[in-house]
């Protein structure tokens, strides 16, 4: 009896180069899903094997729990949730940790030294891309907590990058769109028009790039919507994790 080839053919049965296990500490669902999808769909190019991607695991505590701590300004509570996810992911083999949510990075330094695995920092990856593109002033968009918080200023300052954030009333409305609709997977034409109005004002203020520093914004804005380069923090972080996994990057 002649044996049959597996249904995937010779290419599918070929061995895939080894890659290290990536652990995703999720927060809001759309951003976590986009990060996971990016790793899975873009892994083949680095591994040079059809449909290949590194081992990847995702753990997400209830978004309600995160928001309860964030809205109370309890970053220790946020840190405890992140560390709990990190420990669960490490226990099943994750070797590197990433959090696609920009806002919760405010809590990362509270426990990073005691983490069971190294982390990549989303602001570091965005700042590196700003320098690669030779941009000088970034329009920083995200949640109100992110725009007014300490996540991005150190990474930008270390590289001599300027940034601008929206005006107070603009920050409130952007925040309302994010938490009112976008984290629930609703991306409206009204929200897109408003974000682009703010982007255009910041462009006139000298910004030459847009930091999409909320995991949902890349699902709202498209490259053709604005002449400015869009810095997709979620995908930049996922791609950095892919490079690390396949031997082309480092983590701390």
Protein backbone atom coordinates (compact mmCIF):
# COMPACT_ATOMS: atom_id res chain seq x y z
CA UNK A 1 0.00 0.00 0.00
CA UNK A 2 1.40 3.36 -0.99
CA UNK A 3 1.40 5.92 1.83
CA UNK A 4 -0.26 9.27 1.33
CA UNK A 5 1.28 12.66 1.95
CA UNK A 6 -0.31 14.70 4.74
CA UNK A 7 -3.11 16.94 3.46
CA UNK A 8 -0.94 20.02 3.79
CA UNK A 9 1.58 18.72 1.25
CA UNK A 10 5.38 18.65 1.49
CA UNK A 11 5.69 22.29 2.53
CA UNK A 12 3.33 21.82 5.47
CA UNK A 13 5.25 18.79 6.75
CA UNK A 14 8.66 20.48 6.61
CA UNK A 15 10.26 21.34 9.95
CA UNK A 16 9.88 24.91 11.20
CA UNK A 17 12.83 26.80 12.75
CA UNK A 18 12.59 27.03 16.51
CA UNK A 19 11.29 30.22 18.09
CA UNK A 20 10.91 31.32 21.69
CA UNK A 21 7.54 31.45 23.43
CA UNK A 22 5.86 34.90 23.63
CA UNK A 23 3.41 35.71 26.43
CA UNK A 24 0.82 38.47 25.96
CA UNK A 25 -0.54 40.21 29.05
CA UNK A 26 -3.84 41.47 27.72
CA UNK A 27 -6.14 44.20 28.99
CA UNK A 28 -8.83 45.37 26.52
CA UNK A 29 -10.06 42.75 24.06
CA UNK A 30 -9.59 44.46 20.65
CA UNK A 31 -5.98 45.43 21.35
CA UNK A 32 -5.03 42.04 22.78
CA UNK A 33 -6.59 40.35 19.76
CA UNK A 34 -4.74 42.61 17.31
CA UNK A 35 -1.41 41.90 19.00
CA UNK A 36 -2.05 38.13 18.97
CA UNK A 37 -3.15 38.24 15.32
CA UNK A 38 -0.07 40.22 14.28
CA UNK A 39 2.30 37.70 15.85
CA UNK A 40 0.48 34.79 14.24
CA UNK A 41 0.15 36.27 10.75
CA UNK A 42 3.55 37.96 10.46
CA UNK A 43 5.61 35.16 11.98
CA UNK A 44 5.89 33.25 8.71
CA UNK A 45 8.06 35.92 7.08
CA UNK A 46 10.65 35.74 9.86
CA UNK A 47 10.53 31.96 10.22
CA UNK A 48 10.47 31.50 6.43
CA UNK A 49 7.85 28.81 6.60
CA UNK A 50 4.27 29.01 5.45
CA UNK A 51 1.76 29.55 8.29
CA UNK A 52 4.55 29.44 10.89
CA UNK A 53 4.65 31.58 14.00
CA UNK A 54 6.28 31.33 17.43
CA UNK A 55 4.51 29.72 20.36
CA UNK A 56 2.27 32.46 21.80
CA UNK A 57 -0.01 32.51 24.83
CA UNK A 58 -2.45 35.15 26.03
CA UNK A 59 -3.80 35.81 29.51
CA UNK A 60 -6.37 38.51 30.28
CA UNK A 61 -7.90 39.45 33.60
CA UNK A 62 -11.36 41.00 33.48
CA UNK A 63 -11.23 44.45 31.89
CA UNK A 64 -13.61 45.54 34.65
CA UNK A 65 -10.91 44.80 37.23
CA UNK A 66 -8.33 46.83 35.34
CA UNK A 67 -10.67 49.80 34.96
CA UNK A 68 -11.62 49.70 38.64
CA UNK A 69 -7.98 50.25 39.58
CA UNK A 70 -7.13 52.67 36.76
CA UNK A 71 -10.05 54.99 37.48
CA UNK A 72 -9.09 55.02 41.17
CA UNK A 73 -5.46 55.82 40.32
CA UNK A 74 -4.44 52.57 42.03
CA UNK A 75 -1.45 51.59 39.90
CA UNK A 76 -0.33 49.05 42.50
CA UNK A 77 -3.60 47.22 41.85
CA UNK A 78 -2.91 47.35 38.09
CA UNK A 79 0.61 46.06 38.71
CA UNK A 80 -0.73 43.12 40.73
CA UNK A 81 -3.03 42.11 37.86
CA UNK A 82 -0.18 42.32 35.35
CA UNK A 83 2.17 40.34 37.57
CA UNK A 84 -0.50 37.69 38.09
CA UNK A 85 -0.82 37.29 34.31
CA UNK A 86 2.97 37.25 33.96
CA UNK A 87 3.29 34.43 36.48
CA UNK A 88 0.57 32.38 34.78
CA UNK A 89 2.22 32.83 31.37
CA UNK A 90 5.67 31.97 32.72
CA UNK A 91 4.25 28.81 34.29
CA UNK A 92 3.20 27.51 30.86
CA UNK A 93 6.49 28.31 29.18
CA UNK A 94 6.41 31.96 28.03
CA UNK A 95 9.94 33.35 27.79
CA UNK A 96 9.15 36.99 26.94
CA UNK A 97 6.26 39.18 28.08
CA UNK A 98 4.50 42.03 26.30
CA UNK A 99 1.43 44.14 27.12
CA UNK A 100 -0.24 45.68 24.06
CA UNK A 101 -2.17 48.10 26.28
CA UNK A 102 -0.29 51.42 26.53
CA UNK A 103 -2.03 52.76 29.62
CA UNK A 104 -1.15 49.88 31.94
CA UNK A 105 2.55 50.37 31.23
CA UNK A 106 2.34 53.04 33.93
CA UNK A 107 2.34 50.15 36.41
CA UNK A 108 5.13 48.13 34.78
CA UNK A 109 8.03 49.67 36.69
CA UNK A 110 6.33 48.84 40.00
CA UNK A 111 7.14 45.15 39.51
CA UNK A 112 9.38 44.77 36.47
CA UNK A 113 12.43 43.86 38.56
CA UNK A 114 10.47 41.05 40.21
CA UNK A 115 8.87 39.72 37.07
CA UNK A 116 9.41 36.04 36.28
CA UNK A 117 10.28 36.88 32.66
CA UNK A 118 11.72 39.90 30.79
CA UNK A 119 9.47 42.50 29.15
CA UNK A 120 9.49 44.68 26.09
CA UNK A 121 8.24 48.24 26.73
CA UNK A 122 5.77 49.62 24.21
CA UNK A 123 7.02 53.21 24.46
CA UNK A 124 10.58 52.10 23.71
CA UNK A 125 9.43 50.40 20.52
CA UNK A 126 7.42 53.43 19.37
CA UNK A 127 10.33 55.76 20.12
CA UNK A 128 12.69 53.54 18.13
CA UNK A 129 10.32 53.73 15.15
CA UNK A 130 10.13 57.54 15.43
CA UNK A 131 13.92 57.71 15.18
CA UNK A 132 13.99 55.23 12.31
CA UNK A 133 11.56 57.42 10.37
CA UNK A 134 13.51 60.56 11.37
CA UNK A 135 10.42 62.26 12.71
CA UNK A 136 10.88 65.02 15.25
CA UNK A 137 7.53 65.81 16.88
CA UNK A 138 4.84 63.22 17.60
CA UNK A 139 1.12 63.80 18.09
CA UNK A 140 0.49 61.50 21.04
CA UNK A 141 -3.01 60.01 21.05
CA UNK A 142 -4.39 57.56 23.60
CA UNK A 143 -6.51 57.36 26.69
CA UNK A 144 -6.61 60.39 28.95
CA UNK A 145 -4.52 58.41 31.46
CA UNK A 146 -1.89 57.76 28.79
CA UNK A 147 -1.79 61.25 27.28
CA UNK A 148 -1.43 62.87 30.69
CA UNK A 149 0.71 60.12 32.23
CA UNK A 150 4.40 59.14 32.48
CA UNK A 151 4.61 56.24 30.02
CA UNK A 152 5.99 58.01 26.94
CA UNK A 153 7.91 61.13 28.12
CA UNK A 154 11.05 59.26 29.33
CA UNK A 155 11.36 57.17 26.16
CA UNK A 156 10.91 60.24 23.95
CA UNK A 157 13.22 62.44 26.02
CA UNK A 158 16.00 59.84 25.90
CA UNK A 159 15.96 60.09 22.10
CA UNK A 160 15.41 63.83 21.77
CA UNK A 161 11.85 63.39 20.44
CA UNK A 162 9.30 66.15 20.97
CA UNK A 163 5.62 65.40 21.37
CA UNK A 164 2.30 67.18 21.66
CA UNK A 165 -0.93 66.01 23.27
CA UNK A 166 -4.45 67.23 22.48
CA UNK A 167 -6.06 70.09 24.39
CA UNK A 168 -7.96 69.23 27.63
CA UNK A 169 -11.39 69.17 25.97
CA UNK A 170 -10.03 67.08 23.12
CA UNK A 171 -8.49 64.62 25.56
CA UNK A 172 -11.84 64.20 27.30
CA UNK A 173 -13.67 63.49 24.05
CA UNK A 174 -11.00 61.10 22.76
CA UNK A 175 -11.16 59.26 26.08
CA UNK A 176 -14.95 59.06 25.81
CA UNK A 177 -14.75 57.56 22.32
CA UNK A 178 -12.20 54.98 23.47
CA UNK A 179 -14.03 53.79 26.56
CA UNK A 180 -17.54 54.40 25.28
CA UNK A 181 -17.22 52.48 22.02
CA UNK A 182 -13.78 51.38 20.88
CA UNK A 183 -12.91 48.99 23.72
CA UNK A 184 -16.24 47.30 22.96
CA UNK A 185 -15.26 46.85 19.31
CA UNK A 186 -17.34 49.73 17.91
CA UNK A 187 -15.45 52.02 15.51
CA UNK A 188 -17.67 54.80 14.20
CA UNK A 189 -17.28 57.33 11.42
CA UNK A 190 -17.96 60.02 14.03
CA UNK A 191 -14.97 58.91 16.10
CA UNK A 192 -12.74 58.69 13.03
CA UNK A 193 -13.70 62.20 11.92
CA UNK A 194 -13.02 63.63 15.36
CA UNK A 195 -9.64 61.92 15.77
CA UNK A 196 -8.60 63.19 12.34
CA UNK A 197 -9.71 66.72 13.21
CA UNK A 198 -7.40 66.62 16.24
CA UNK A 199 -4.59 65.12 14.14
CA UNK A 200 -4.89 67.92 11.59
CA UNK A 201 -4.70 70.57 14.31
CA UNK A 202 -1.59 68.93 15.76
CA UNK A 203 -0.09 68.68 12.27
CA UNK A 204 -0.44 72.45 11.99
CA UNK A 205 1.34 72.66 15.34
CA UNK A 206 4.36 71.02 13.76
CA UNK A 207 3.75 67.33 14.43
CA UNK A 208 5.18 65.11 11.70
CA UNK A 209 3.92 61.73 12.97
CA UNK A 210 0.93 60.34 14.88
CA UNK A 211 1.47 58.04 17.84
CA UNK A 212 -1.49 55.66 17.93
CA UNK A 213 -0.75 54.88 21.56
CA UNK A 214 -3.94 53.11 22.46
CA UNK A 215 -4.40 49.57 21.23
CA UNK A 216 -7.76 50.39 19.64
CA UNK A 217 -6.69 53.43 17.58
CA UNK A 218 -5.01 51.33 14.84
CA UNK A 219 -8.43 49.76 14.29
CA UNK A 220 -9.94 53.22 13.76
CA UNK A 221 -7.43 55.20 11.71
CA UNK A 222 -6.10 54.09 8.31
CA UNK A 223 -2.88 55.18 6.57
CA UNK A 224 -4.88 56.85 3.81
CA UNK A 225 -6.73 59.02 6.35
CA UNK A 226 -3.81 61.40 6.93
CA UNK A 227 -0.56 62.39 5.20
CA UNK A 228 1.33 61.86 8.48
CA UNK A 229 2.90 58.48 9.25
CA UNK A 230 0.81 56.50 11.73
CA UNK A 231 2.86 54.83 14.47
CA UNK A 232 0.93 51.69 15.35
CA UNK A 233 2.07 50.91 18.89
CA UNK A 234 0.33 47.53 18.99
CA UNK A 235 1.90 46.15 15.83
CA UNK A 236 5.30 47.72 16.59
CA UNK A 237 5.35 45.87 19.91
CA UNK A 238 4.21 42.61 18.34
CA UNK A 239 6.89 42.86 15.65
CA UNK A 240 9.57 43.55 18.25
CA UNK A 241 8.45 40.42 20.11
CA UNK A 242 8.66 38.44 16.87
CA UNK A 243 12.23 39.64 16.28
CA UNK A 244 13.18 38.67 19.83
CA UNK A 245 11.51 35.29 19.48
CA UNK A 246 13.45 34.49 16.33
CA UNK A 247 16.79 35.72 17.70
CA UNK A 248 16.88 39.29 16.39
CA UNK A 249 16.16 41.41 19.45
CA UNK A 250 16.66 41.86 23.18
CA UNK A 251 14.48 42.48 26.23
CA UNK A 252 14.99 43.76 29.75
